C-alpha atoms as a PDB file:
ATOM      1  CA  UNK A   1      49.313  42.756 -18.752  1.00  0.00           C
ATOM      2  CA  UNK A   2      45.737  43.823 -18.618  1.00  0.00           C
ATOM      3  CA  UNK A   3      42.815  42.739 -16.253  1.00  0.00           C
ATOM      4  CA  UNK A   4      40.471  40.730 -18.172  1.00  0.00           C
ATOM      5  CA  UNK A   5      37.091  38.897 -17.209  1.00  0.00           C
ATOM      6  CA  UNK A   6      36.602  35.195 -17.797  1.00  0.00           C
ATOM      7  CA  UNK A   7      33.307  34.993 -20.381  1.00  0.00           C
ATOM      8  CA  UNK A   8      33.520  31.293 -20.873  1.00  0.00           C
ATOM      9  CA  UNK A   9      35.522  28.372 -20.178  1.00  0.00           C
ATOM     10  CA  UNK A  10      35.509  24.533 -21.560  1.00  0.00           C
ATOM     11  CA  UNK A  11      37.359  22.418 -19.031  1.00  0.00           C
ATOM     12  CA  UNK A  12      36.428  19.569 -21.412  1.00  0.00           C
ATOM     13  CA  UNK A  13      38.246  21.079 -24.058  1.00  0.00           C
ATOM     14  CA  UNK A  14      40.899  23.195 -22.285  1.00  0.00           C
ATOM     15  CA  UNK A  15      40.032  26.638 -23.486  1.00  0.00           C
ATOM     16  CA  UNK A  16      37.752  29.666 -22.995  1.00  0.00           C
ATOM     17  CA  UNK A  17      37.322  33.333 -23.973  1.00  0.00           C
ATOM     18  CA  UNK A  18      38.576  36.180 -21.962  1.00  0.00           C
ATOM     19  CA  UNK A  19      37.193  39.866 -22.173  1.00  0.00           C
ATOM     20  CA  UNK A  20      38.906  43.160 -21.669  1.00  0.00           C
ATOM     21  CA  UNK A  21      38.795  46.516 -23.128  1.00  0.00           C
ATOM     22  CA  UNK A  22      42.463  46.049 -25.118  1.00  0.00           C
ATOM     23  CA  UNK A  23      41.029  42.820 -26.744  1.00  0.00           C
ATOM     24  CA  UNK A  24      37.759  43.957 -28.511  1.00  0.00           C
ATOM     25  CA  UNK A  25      35.599  40.779 -29.608  1.00  0.00           C
ATOM     26  CA  UNK A  26      37.487  38.476 -26.939  1.00  0.00           C
ATOM     27  CA  UNK A  27      40.831  36.859 -26.290  1.00  0.00           C
ATOM     28  CA  UNK A  28      41.050  33.015 -26.959  1.00  0.00           C
ATOM     29  CA  UNK A  29      42.718  31.315 -23.971  1.00  0.00           C
ATOM     30  CA  UNK A  30      44.256  27.954 -23.603  1.00  0.00           C
ATOM     31  CA  UNK A  31      44.874  25.971 -20.530  1.00  0.00           C
ATOM     32  CA  UNK A  32      48.652  25.584 -21.057  1.00  0.00           C
ATOM     33  CA  UNK A  33      48.977  29.491 -20.715  1.00  0.00           C
ATOM     34  CA  UNK A  34      47.105  29.632 -17.109  1.00  0.00           C
ATOM     35  CA  UNK A  35      49.809  30.036 -14.536  1.00  0.00           C
ATOM     36  CA  UNK A  36      48.951  27.976 -11.472  1.00  0.00           C
ATOM     37  CA  UNK A  37      49.887  24.809  -9.864  1.00  0.00           C
ATOM     38  CA  UNK A  38      47.811  21.765 -10.698  1.00  0.00           C
ATOM     39  CA  UNK A  39      45.180  21.205 -13.504  1.00  0.00           C
ATOM     40  CA  UNK A  40      44.519  24.999 -14.932  1.00  0.00           C
ATOM     41  CA  UNK A  41      40.962  25.855 -14.958  1.00  0.00           C
ATOM     42  CA  UNK A  42      38.896  29.065 -14.793  1.00  0.00           C
ATOM     43  CA  UNK A  43      35.589  29.977 -14.218  1.00  0.00           C
ATOM     44  CA  UNK A  44      33.152  32.701 -15.960  1.00  0.00           C
ATOM     45  CA  UNK A  45      33.249  36.033 -14.230  1.00  0.00           C
ATOM     46  CA  UNK A  46      36.483  35.119 -12.855  1.00  0.00           C
ATOM     47  CA  UNK A  47      39.271  38.244 -12.847  1.00  0.00           C
ATOM     48  CA  UNK A  48      42.593  37.214 -14.400  1.00  0.00           C
ATOM     49  CA  UNK A  49      45.783  39.154 -15.398  1.00  0.00           C
ATOM     50  CA  UNK A  50      46.062  38.725 -19.015  1.00  0.00           C
ATOM     51  CA  UNK A  51      49.147  38.903 -21.322  1.00  0.00           C
ATOM     52  CA  UNK A  52      47.970  38.628 -24.727  1.00  0.00           C
ATOM     53  CA  UNK A  53      49.356  38.906 -28.668  1.00  0.00           C
ATOM     54  CA  UNK A  54      47.626  39.606 -31.693  1.00  0.00           C
ATOM     55  CA  UNK A  55      48.979  36.558 -33.886  1.00  0.00           C
ATOM     56  CA  UNK A  56      47.987  38.259 -37.217  1.00  0.00           C
ATOM     57  CA  UNK A  57      45.628  34.999 -37.914  1.00  0.00           C
ATOM     58  CA  UNK A  58      42.168  34.107 -36.210  1.00  0.00           C
ATOM     59  CA  UNK A  59      42.510  31.731 -33.610  1.00  0.00           C
ATOM     60  CA  UNK A  60      39.499  29.745 -33.637  1.00  0.00           C
ATOM     61  CA  UNK A  61      38.075  32.715 -34.649  1.00  0.00           C
ATOM     62  CA  UNK A  62      39.466  35.405 -32.162  1.00  0.00           C
ATOM     63  CA  UNK A  63      41.744  38.112 -32.952  1.00  0.00           C
ATOM     64  CA  UNK A  64      43.612  37.828 -29.884  1.00  0.00           C
ATOM     65  CA  UNK A  65      45.247  34.869 -27.981  1.00  0.00           C
ATOM     66  CA  UNK A  66      46.274  34.611 -24.421  1.00  0.00           C
ATOM     67  CA  UNK A  67      50.029  34.463 -23.975  1.00  0.00           C
ATOM     68  CA  UNK A  68      49.965  34.217 -19.812  1.00  0.00           C
ATOM     69  CA  UNK A  69      46.753  34.083 -17.787  1.00  0.00           C
ATOM     70  CA  UNK A  70      47.101  34.827 -14.112  1.00  0.00           C
ATOM     71  CA  UNK A  71      44.105  34.230 -11.933  1.00  0.00           C
ATOM     72  CA  UNK A  72      43.529  37.238  -9.241  1.00  0.00           C
ATOM     73  CA  UNK A  73      42.984  36.189  -5.585  1.00  0.00           C
ATOM     74  CA  UNK A  74      39.158  36.286  -5.000  1.00  0.00           C
END
């Protein structure tokens, strides 16, 4: 697990991009990976704990895909 920053998030489409030194170029994230009660959404600039994988193929243009996204307390 690493700390990442939300670069962009698209509520209407349910996905976004998270940045960390361990995921150069960005990590694709889906709302289903967000670990929170209710509707999972994130905001640009928000810090999260990220567990990721490199699936060996591009996920919507990204080398990395989020497995678990845990929003950090603000």
